[in-house]
N, C-alpha and C. Protein backbone atom coordinates (compact mmCIF):
# COMPACT_ATOMS: atom_id res chain seq x y z
N UNK A 1 -2.03 -0.16 -26.15
CA UNK A 1 -2.16 0.18 -24.76
C UNK A 1 -0.85 -0.16 -24.04
N UNK A 2 -0.38 0.75 -23.24
CA UNK A 2 0.86 0.56 -22.51
C UNK A 2 0.58 -0.13 -21.18
N UNK A 3 1.37 -1.16 -20.89
CA UNK A 3 1.22 -1.89 -19.63
C UNK A 3 1.81 -1.04 -18.50
N UNK A 4 1.05 -0.90 -17.43
CA UNK A 4 1.52 -0.16 -16.28
C UNK A 4 2.18 -1.10 -15.28
N UNK A 5 3.23 -0.63 -14.67
CA UNK A 5 3.93 -1.38 -13.63
C UNK A 5 3.81 -0.63 -12.32
N UNK A 6 3.80 -1.35 -11.22
CA UNK A 6 3.71 -0.68 -9.92
C UNK A 6 4.90 0.25 -9.68
N UNK A 7 4.60 1.42 -9.18
CA UNK A 7 5.63 2.37 -8.75
C UNK A 7 5.59 2.38 -7.22
N UNK A 8 6.47 1.62 -6.62
CA UNK A 8 6.44 1.37 -5.19
C UNK A 8 6.94 2.56 -4.39
N UNK A 9 6.30 2.79 -3.23
CA UNK A 9 6.82 3.78 -2.30
C UNK A 9 6.49 3.36 -0.87
N UNK A 10 7.32 3.85 0.04
CA UNK A 10 7.15 3.61 1.46
C UNK A 10 6.78 4.94 2.10
N UNK A 11 5.87 4.93 3.01
CA UNK A 11 5.44 6.14 3.70
C UNK A 11 6.61 6.83 4.39
N UNK A 12 6.59 8.14 4.39
CA UNK A 12 7.61 8.90 5.10
C UNK A 12 7.51 8.69 6.61
N UNK A 13 6.40 8.18 7.08
CA UNK A 13 6.22 7.88 8.50
C UNK A 13 6.89 6.56 8.89
N UNK A 14 7.35 5.81 7.92
CA UNK A 14 7.96 4.51 8.18
C UNK A 14 9.46 4.67 8.41
N UNK A 15 9.81 5.10 9.59
CA UNK A 15 11.23 5.30 9.91
C UNK A 15 11.68 4.28 10.95
N UNK A 16 11.17 3.07 10.85
CA UNK A 16 11.46 2.04 11.85
C UNK A 16 12.51 1.03 11.39
N UNK A 17 13.40 1.45 10.54
CA UNK A 17 14.47 0.56 10.12
C UNK A 17 14.11 -0.34 8.96
N UNK A 18 13.07 -0.04 8.23
CA UNK A 18 12.74 -0.80 7.04
C UNK A 18 11.74 -1.92 7.24
N UNK A 19 11.23 -2.11 8.44
CA UNK A 19 10.25 -3.17 8.68
C UNK A 19 8.85 -2.61 8.40
N UNK A 20 8.55 -2.45 7.13
CA UNK A 20 7.26 -1.84 6.78
C UNK A 20 6.76 -2.40 5.44
N UNK A 21 5.70 -1.85 4.97
CA UNK A 21 5.14 -2.26 3.69
C UNK A 21 5.33 -1.15 2.68
N UNK A 22 5.23 -1.52 1.41
CA UNK A 22 5.26 -0.57 0.32
C UNK A 22 3.95 -0.70 -0.44
N UNK A 23 3.50 0.40 -1.00
CA UNK A 23 2.28 0.40 -1.80
C UNK A 23 2.57 1.03 -3.15
N UNK A 24 1.72 0.72 -4.12
CA UNK A 24 1.85 1.29 -5.47
C UNK A 24 0.49 1.87 -5.86
N UNK A 25 0.25 3.11 -5.47
CA UNK A 25 -1.06 3.71 -5.72
C UNK A 25 -1.26 4.16 -7.17
N UNK A 26 -0.22 4.07 -7.99
CA UNK A 26 -0.35 4.50 -9.38
C UNK A 26 -1.31 3.61 -10.18
N UNK A 27 -1.65 2.43 -9.66
CA UNK A 27 -2.56 1.54 -10.39
C UNK A 27 -4.02 1.68 -9.93
N UNK A 28 -4.27 2.54 -8.95
CA UNK A 28 -5.61 2.66 -8.38
C UNK A 28 -6.64 3.10 -9.42
N UNK A 29 -6.35 4.14 -10.16
CA UNK A 29 -7.33 4.67 -11.11
C UNK A 29 -7.55 3.75 -12.32
N UNK A 30 -6.46 3.22 -12.86
CA UNK A 30 -6.58 2.44 -14.10
C UNK A 30 -7.00 1.00 -13.87
N UNK A 31 -6.63 0.40 -12.73
CA UNK A 31 -6.92 -1.02 -12.51
C UNK A 31 -7.80 -1.28 -11.30
N UNK A 32 -8.04 -0.26 -10.49
CA UNK A 32 -8.91 -0.43 -9.33
C UNK A 32 -8.29 -1.20 -8.18
N UNK A 33 -6.95 -1.25 -8.14
CA UNK A 33 -6.25 -1.97 -7.07
C UNK A 33 -5.10 -1.13 -6.53
N UNK A 34 -4.71 -1.46 -5.29
CA UNK A 34 -3.50 -0.90 -4.70
C UNK A 34 -2.64 -2.10 -4.28
N UNK A 35 -1.60 -2.39 -5.03
CA UNK A 35 -0.71 -3.48 -4.65
C UNK A 35 0.06 -3.14 -3.37
N UNK A 36 0.25 -4.14 -2.51
CA UNK A 36 0.97 -3.97 -1.25
C UNK A 36 1.99 -5.10 -1.14
N UNK A 37 3.20 -4.77 -0.68
CA UNK A 37 4.24 -5.80 -0.51
C UNK A 37 5.10 -5.47 0.71
N UNK A 38 5.84 -6.46 1.16
CA UNK A 38 6.78 -6.32 2.26
C UNK A 38 8.03 -5.62 1.73
N UNK A 39 8.43 -4.53 2.37
CA UNK A 39 9.58 -3.78 1.89
C UNK A 39 10.89 -4.55 2.00
N UNK A 40 10.93 -5.57 2.84
CA UNK A 40 12.15 -6.36 3.02
C UNK A 40 12.25 -7.49 2.01
N UNK A 41 11.16 -7.83 1.32
CA UNK A 41 11.13 -8.95 0.38
C UNK A 41 10.51 -8.44 -0.92
N UNK A 42 11.23 -7.60 -1.62
CA UNK A 42 10.66 -6.94 -2.79
C UNK A 42 10.32 -7.90 -3.93
N UNK A 43 10.92 -9.07 -3.95
CA UNK A 43 10.59 -10.06 -4.98
C UNK A 43 9.57 -11.08 -4.46
N UNK A 44 9.05 -10.83 -3.27
CA UNK A 44 8.09 -11.75 -2.66
C UNK A 44 6.68 -11.49 -3.15
N UNK A 45 5.71 -12.06 -2.45
CA UNK A 45 4.32 -11.94 -2.87
C UNK A 45 3.79 -10.51 -2.77
N UNK A 46 2.83 -10.23 -3.60
CA UNK A 46 2.15 -8.93 -3.62
C UNK A 46 0.67 -9.18 -3.38
N UNK A 47 0.08 -8.40 -2.50
CA UNK A 47 -1.35 -8.49 -2.24
C UNK A 47 -2.02 -7.33 -2.97
N UNK A 48 -2.96 -7.63 -3.85
CA UNK A 48 -3.72 -6.60 -4.56
C UNK A 48 -4.99 -6.30 -3.76
N UNK A 49 -5.05 -5.08 -3.23
CA UNK A 49 -6.20 -4.65 -2.42
C UNK A 49 -7.07 -3.75 -3.30
N UNK A 50 -8.36 -4.03 -3.31
CA UNK A 50 -9.26 -3.17 -4.09
C UNK A 50 -9.20 -1.75 -3.56
N UNK A 51 -9.31 -0.79 -4.48
CA UNK A 51 -9.16 0.62 -4.14
C UNK A 51 -10.10 1.05 -3.02
N UNK A 52 -11.36 0.64 -3.06
CA UNK A 52 -12.32 1.04 -2.03
C UNK A 52 -11.92 0.50 -0.66
N UNK A 53 -11.43 -0.72 -0.61
CA UNK A 53 -11.01 -1.31 0.66
C UNK A 53 -9.77 -0.60 1.20
N UNK A 54 -8.83 -0.27 0.33
CA UNK A 54 -7.62 0.43 0.77
C UNK A 54 -7.98 1.82 1.28
N UNK A 55 -8.87 2.50 0.58
CA UNK A 55 -9.32 3.82 1.01
C UNK A 55 -10.01 3.77 2.38
N UNK A 56 -10.85 2.75 2.59
CA UNK A 56 -11.52 2.59 3.88
C UNK A 56 -10.50 2.32 4.98
N UNK A 57 -9.48 1.53 4.69
CA UNK A 57 -8.42 1.25 5.66
C UNK A 57 -7.68 2.53 6.03
N UNK A 58 -7.28 3.32 5.05
CA UNK A 58 -6.56 4.57 5.32
C UNK A 58 -7.43 5.52 6.13
N UNK A 59 -8.71 5.61 5.79
CA UNK A 59 -9.62 6.46 6.55
C UNK A 59 -9.71 6.00 8.01
N UNK A 60 -9.77 4.69 8.23
CA UNK A 60 -9.80 4.14 9.58
C UNK A 60 -8.52 4.44 10.35
N UNK A 61 -7.38 4.34 9.70
CA UNK A 61 -6.11 4.65 10.35
C UNK A 61 -6.08 6.12 10.75
N UNK A 62 -6.48 6.99 9.83
CA UNK A 62 -6.48 8.42 10.12
C UNK A 62 -7.43 8.78 11.26
N UNK A 63 -8.51 8.03 11.40
CA UNK A 63 -9.49 8.28 12.46
C UNK A 63 -9.11 7.63 13.78
N UNK A 64 -8.01 6.86 13.79
CA UNK A 64 -7.55 6.22 15.01
C UNK A 64 -8.31 4.97 15.37
N UNK A 65 -9.01 4.38 14.41
CA UNK A 65 -9.82 3.19 14.70
C UNK A 65 -9.00 1.96 15.03
N UNK A 66 -7.72 1.97 14.69
CA UNK A 66 -6.88 0.80 14.93
C UNK A 66 -5.86 1.03 16.04
N UNK A 67 -6.00 2.15 16.76
CA UNK A 67 -5.08 2.42 17.87
C UNK A 67 -5.30 1.39 18.97
N UNK A 68 -4.22 0.93 19.54
CA UNK A 68 -4.31 -0.10 20.59
C UNK A 68 -4.20 0.49 22.00
N UNK A 69 -3.75 1.71 22.08
CA UNK A 69 -3.57 2.32 23.41
C UNK A 69 -4.81 3.06 23.87
């Protein structure tokens, strides 16, 4: 079995000078997690979010549930 490594990417919507997060969705199907890290500290800590929780978060963002205005 080949060990999978996170393939990090930053959203194309993150054009704020690099102050954003990166995710590695390539592990969602095989491991059931979406790793998340700070794009400015690539060797720093990684938070593993369960796929269902990450999906619910993205759905909430798309629905505007976290808008502050």
